PDB file of N, CA and C in Angstrom:
ATOM      1  N   MET A   1      31.316  35.449 115.964  1.00  0.00           N
ATOM      2  CA  MET A   1      30.382  35.557 116.795  1.00  0.00           C
ATOM      3  C   MET A   1      29.313  34.291 116.608  1.00  0.00           C
ATOM      4  N   LYS A   2      28.785  33.857 117.459  1.00  0.00           N
ATOM      5  CA  LYS A   2      28.021  32.632 117.533  1.00  0.00           C
ATOM      6  C   LYS A   2      26.522  33.043 117.523  1.00  0.00           C
ATOM      7  N   LYS A   3      25.667  32.472 116.546  1.00  0.00           N
ATOM      8  CA  LYS A   3      24.272  32.882 116.193  1.00  0.00           C
ATOM      9  C   LYS A   3      23.521  31.947 117.305  1.00  0.00           C
ATOM     10  N   CYS A   4      22.697  32.349 118.239  1.00  0.00           N
ATOM     11  CA  CYS A   4      21.790  31.754 119.035  1.00  0.00           C
ATOM     12  C   CYS A   4      20.369  31.492 118.758  1.00  0.00           C
ATOM     13  N   MET A   5      19.919  30.561 118.659  1.00  0.00           N
ATOM     14  CA  MET A   5      18.662  30.336 118.430  1.00  0.00           C
ATOM     15  C   MET A   5      17.753  30.140 119.472  1.00  0.00           C
ATOM     16  N   LEU A   6      16.672  30.760 119.578  1.00  0.00           N
ATOM     17  CA  LEU A   6      15.606  30.404 120.711  1.00  0.00           C
ATOM     18  C   LEU A   6      14.335  29.775 119.997  1.00  0.00           C
ATOM     19  N   PHE A   7      13.808  28.906 120.737  1.00  0.00           N
ATOM     20  CA  PHE A   7      12.859  28.217 120.507  1.00  0.00           C
ATOM     21  C   PHE A   7      11.617  28.249 121.380  1.00  0.00           C
ATOM     22  N   LYS A   8      10.488  28.426 121.235  1.00  0.00           N
ATOM     23  CA  LYS A   8       9.260  28.650 122.047  1.00  0.00           C
ATOM     24  C   LYS A   8       8.831  27.199 122.004  1.00  0.00           C
ATOM     25  N   VAL A   9       8.553  26.745 123.541  1.00  0.00           N
ATOM     26  CA  VAL A   9       8.114  25.300 123.287  1.00  0.00           C
ATOM     27  C   VAL A   9       6.969  25.527 124.498  1.00  0.00           C
ATOM     28  N   ALA A  10       6.094  24.426 124.417  1.00  0.00           N
ATOM     29  CA  ALA A  10       4.928  24.176 125.312  1.00  0.00           C
ATOM     30  C   ALA A  10       5.183  22.945 125.938  1.00  0.00           C
ATOM     31  N   GLY A  11       4.523  22.775 127.312  1.00  0.00           N
ATOM     32  CA  GLY A  11       4.624  21.548 128.040  1.00  0.00           C
ATOM     33  C   GLY A  11       3.198  21.101 127.807  1.00  0.00           C
ATOM     34  N   TYR A  12       3.201  19.669 127.901  1.00  0.00           N
ATOM     35  CA  TYR A  12       2.021  18.940 127.731  1.00  0.00           C
ATOM     36  C   TYR A  12       1.773  17.997 129.028  1.00  0.00           C
ATOM     37  N   ILE A  13       0.723  18.197 129.789  1.00  0.00           N
ATOM     38  CA  ILE A  13       0.587  17.329 131.085  1.00  0.00           C
ATOM     39  C   ILE A  13      -0.637  16.727 130.946  1.00  0.00           C
ATOM     40  N   ARG A  14      -0.758  15.273 131.152  1.00  0.00           N
ATOM     41  CA  ARG A  14      -1.766  14.818 131.192  1.00  0.00           C
ATOM     42  C   ARG A  14      -2.279  13.913 132.523  1.00  0.00           C
ATOM     43  N   LEU A  15      -3.565  14.053 132.939  1.00  0.00           N
ATOM     44  CA  LEU A  15      -4.022  13.598 134.376  1.00  0.00           C
ATOM     45  C   LEU A  15      -3.979  11.999 134.344  1.00  0.00           C
ATOM     46  N   SER A  16      -3.377  11.625 135.302  1.00  0.00           N
ATOM     47  CA  SER A  16      -3.522  10.366 135.549  1.00  0.00           C
ATOM     48  C   SER A  16      -4.802   9.757 136.119  1.00  0.00           C
ATOM     49  N   LYS A  17      -5.295   8.516 135.802  1.00  0.00           N
ATOM     50  CA  LYS A  17      -6.449   8.008 136.045  1.00  0.00           C
ATOM     51  C   LYS A  17      -6.449   7.523 137.704  1.00  0.00           C
ATOM     52  N   GLU A  18      -5.233   7.481 138.121  1.00  0.00           N
ATOM     53  CA  GLU A  18      -5.162   6.955 139.710  1.00  0.00           C
ATOM     54  C   GLU A  18      -5.407   8.534 140.609  1.00  0.00           C
ATOM     55  N   ASP A  19      -5.522   9.436 139.830  1.00  0.00           N
ATOM     56  CA  ASP A  19      -5.754  10.792 140.796  1.00  0.00           C
ATOM     57  C   ASP A  19      -7.405  10.854 140.981  1.00  0.00           C
ATOM     58  N   GLY A  20      -7.970  10.283 140.176  1.00  0.00           N
ATOM     59  CA  GLY A  20      -9.471  10.370 140.674  1.00  0.00           C
ATOM     60  C   GLY A  20      -9.868  11.678 140.222  1.00  0.00           C
ATOM     61  N   ASP A  21     -10.856  12.426 140.878  1.00  0.00           N
ATOM     62  CA  ASP A  21     -11.446  13.826 140.641  1.00  0.00           C
ATOM     63  C   ASP A  21     -10.882  14.980 141.282  1.00  0.00           C
ATOM     64  N   LYS A  22      -9.549  14.946 141.560  1.00  0.00           N
ATOM     65  CA  LYS A  22      -8.752  16.027 141.918  1.00  0.00           C
ATOM     66  C   LYS A  22      -8.849  17.032 141.063  1.00  0.00           C
ATOM     67  N   THR A  23      -8.837  18.333 141.576  1.00  0.00           N
ATOM     68  CA  THR A  23      -8.765  19.502 140.818  1.00  0.00           C
ATOM     69  C   THR A  23      -7.371  19.658 140.280  1.00  0.00           C
ATOM     70  N   GLU A  24      -6.243  19.531 141.071  1.00  0.00           N
ATOM     71  CA  GLU A  24      -4.823  19.586 140.757  1.00  0.00           C
ATOM     72  C   GLU A  24      -4.093  18.434 141.250  1.00  0.00           C
ATOM     73  N   SER A  25      -4.081  17.399 140.451  1.00  0.00           N
ATOM     74  CA  SER A  25      -3.740  16.017 141.094  1.00  0.00           C
ATOM     75  C   SER A  25      -2.024  16.169 141.439  1.00  0.00           C
ATOM     76  N   ASP A  26      -1.677  15.051 142.003  1.00  0.00           N
ATOM     77  CA  ASP A  26      -0.330  15.017 142.254  1.00  0.00           C
ATOM     78  C   ASP A  26       0.481  14.781 141.147  1.00  0.00           C
ATOM     79  N   SER A  27      -0.098  14.077 140.315  1.00  0.00           N
ATOM     80  CA  SER A  27       0.702  13.705 139.111  1.00  0.00           C
ATOM     81  C   SER A  27       0.941  15.068 138.171  1.00  0.00           C
ATOM     82  N   ILE A  28      -0.034  15.781 138.129  1.00  0.00           N
ATOM     83  CA  ILE A  28      -0.044  17.188 137.264  1.00  0.00           C
ATOM     84  C   ILE A  28       0.926  17.979 138.073  1.00  0.00           C
ATOM     85  N   GLY A  29       0.967  18.210 139.219  1.00  0.00           N
ATOM     86  CA  GLY A  29       1.983  19.003 139.987  1.00  0.00           C
ATOM     87  C   GLY A  29       3.329  18.539 139.781  1.00  0.00           C
ATOM     88  N   ASN A  30       3.610  17.092 139.888  1.00  0.00           N
ATOM     89  CA  ASN A  30       5.060  16.633 139.581  1.00  0.00           C
ATOM     90  C   ASN A  30       5.251  16.718 137.966  1.00  0.00           C
ATOM     91  N   GLN A  31       4.347  16.567 136.942  1.00  0.00           N
ATOM     92  CA  GLN A  31       4.733  16.732 135.777  1.00  0.00           C
ATOM     93  C   GLN A  31       5.166  18.075 135.417  1.00  0.00           C
ATOM     94  N   ARG A  32       4.358  19.180 135.940  1.00  0.00           N
ATOM     95  CA  ARG A  32       4.721  20.574 135.684  1.00  0.00           C
ATOM     96  C   ARG A  32       6.100  20.835 136.279  1.00  0.00           C
ATOM     97  N   LYS A  33       6.522  20.332 137.598  1.00  0.00           N
ATOM     98  CA  LYS A  33       7.749  20.505 138.015  1.00  0.00           C
ATOM     99  C   LYS A  33       8.947  20.156 137.391  1.00  0.00           C
ATOM    100  N   LEU A  34       8.679  18.836 136.673  1.00  0.00           N
ATOM    101  CA  LEU A  34       9.759  18.248 135.994  1.00  0.00           C
ATOM    102  C   LEU A  34      10.010  18.993 134.644  1.00  0.00           C
ATOM    103  N   ILE A  35       8.817  19.426 133.936  1.00  0.00           N
ATOM    104  CA  ILE A  35       9.064  20.292 132.742  1.00  0.00           C
ATOM    105  C   ILE A  35       9.913  21.616 133.004  1.00  0.00           C
ATOM    106  N   ILE A  36       9.465  22.308 134.186  1.00  0.00           N
ATOM    107  CA  ILE A  36      10.027  23.523 134.416  1.00  0.00           C
ATOM    108  C   ILE A  36      11.657  23.338 134.875  1.00  0.00           C
ATOM    109  N   ASP A  37      11.898  22.265 135.649  1.00  0.00           N
ATOM    110  CA  ASP A  37      13.077  21.877 135.938  1.00  0.00           C
ATOM    111  C   ASP A  37      14.175  21.497 134.994  1.00  0.00           C
ATOM    112  N   TYR A  38      13.538  20.723 133.757  1.00  0.00           N
ATOM    113  CA  TYR A  38      14.243  20.428 132.742  1.00  0.00           C
ATOM    114  C   TYR A  38      14.624  21.700 131.802  1.00  0.00           C
ATOM    115  N   LEU A  39      13.620  22.614 131.858  1.00  0.00           N
ATOM    116  CA  LEU A  39      14.049  23.735 130.826  1.00  0.00           C
ATOM    117  C   LEU A  39      14.754  24.744 131.452  1.00  0.00           C
ATOM    118  N   LYS A  40      15.116  24.946 132.650  1.00  0.00           N
ATOM    119  CA  LYS A  40      15.759  25.805 133.508  1.00  0.00           C
ATOM    120  C   LYS A  40      17.270  25.707 132.909  1.00  0.00           C
ATOM    121  N   ASN A  41      17.743  24.824 132.557  1.00  0.00           N
ATOM    122  CA  ASN A  41      19.031  24.724 132.192  1.00  0.00           C
ATOM    123  C   ASN A  41      19.351  24.659 130.456  1.00  0.00           C
ATOM    124  N   LYS A  42      18.168  24.931 129.895  1.00  0.00           N
ATOM    125  CA  LYS A  42      18.305  25.086 128.341  1.00  0.00           C
ATOM    126  C   LYS A  42      17.987  26.196 127.911  1.00  0.00           C
ATOM    127  N   ASP A  43      18.870  27.023 127.714  1.00  0.00           N
ATOM    128  CA  ASP A  43      18.830  28.341 127.345  1.00  0.00           C
ATOM    129  C   ASP A  43      18.163  28.673 125.967  1.00  0.00           C
ATOM    130  N   GLU A  44      18.451  27.529 125.128  1.00  0.00           N
ATOM    131  CA  GLU A  44      17.605  27.818 123.663  1.00  0.00           C
ATOM    132  C   GLU A  44      16.258  27.786 123.814  1.00  0.00           C
ATOM    133  N   PHE A  45      15.843  27.171 124.917  1.00  0.00           N
ATOM    134  CA  PHE A  45      13.985  27.073 124.932  1.00  0.00           C
ATOM    135  C   PHE A  45      13.302  28.160 125.929  1.00  0.00           C
ATOM    136  N   VAL A  46      12.678  28.571 125.394  1.00  0.00           N
ATOM    137  CA  VAL A  46      11.553  29.504 126.081  1.00  0.00           C
ATOM    138  C   VAL A  46      10.411  28.909 126.214  1.00  0.00           C
ATOM    139  N   LEU A  47       9.878  28.727 127.472  1.00  0.00           N
ATOM    140  CA  LEU A  47       8.468  28.206 127.747  1.00  0.00           C
ATOM    141  C   LEU A  47       7.235  29.064 127.332  1.00  0.00           C
ATOM    142  N   TYR A  48       6.721  28.685 126.677  1.00  0.00           N
ATOM    143  CA  TYR A  48       5.512  29.384 125.981  1.00  0.00           C
ATOM    144  C   TYR A  48       4.261  29.215 127.009  1.00  0.00           C
ATOM    145  N   ASP A  49       3.883  28.063 127.253  1.00  0.00           N
ATOM    146  CA  ASP A  49       2.948  27.668 127.958  1.00  0.00           C
ATOM    147  C   ASP A  49       2.763  26.118 128.467  1.00  0.00           C
ATOM    148  N   ILE A  50       2.007  25.831 129.425  1.00  0.00           N
ATOM    149  CA  ILE A  50       1.775  24.472 129.851  1.00  0.00           C
ATOM    150  C   ILE A  50       0.473  24.099 129.627  1.00  0.00           C
ATOM    151  N   TYR A  51       0.159  23.120 128.637  1.00  0.00           N
ATOM    152  CA  TYR A  51      -1.275  22.702 128.637  1.00  0.00           C
ATOM    153  C   TYR A  51      -1.671  21.446 129.545  1.00  0.00           C
ATOM    154  N   ILE A  52      -2.818  21.307 129.934  1.00  0.00           N
ATOM    155  CA  ILE A  52      -3.102  20.201 130.718  1.00  0.00           C
ATOM    156  C   ILE A  52      -4.469  19.632 130.200  1.00  0.00           C
ATOM    157  N   GLU A  53      -4.455  18.183 130.035  1.00  0.00           N
ATOM    158  CA  GLU A  53      -5.396  17.399 129.538  1.00  0.00           C
ATOM    159  C   GLU A  53      -6.052  16.661 130.749  1.00  0.00           C
ATOM    160  N   MET A  54      -7.268  16.894 131.188  1.00  0.00           N
ATOM    161  CA  MET A  54      -7.968  16.295 132.242  1.00  0.00           C
ATOM    162  C   MET A  54      -9.034  15.283 131.739  1.00  0.00           C
TER     163      MET A  54
END
């Protein structure tokens, strides 16, 4: 029997200066989507949270 290890991971998103003062910038939305899409196919990773630096 193969032992499966699970890792809790967090995403880190940073606001782009080009987005100005938007509350939820285009780059933040795109970064969130990239992180979530990447992790969909990684069964060993469990997304704990996504942190956003503004």
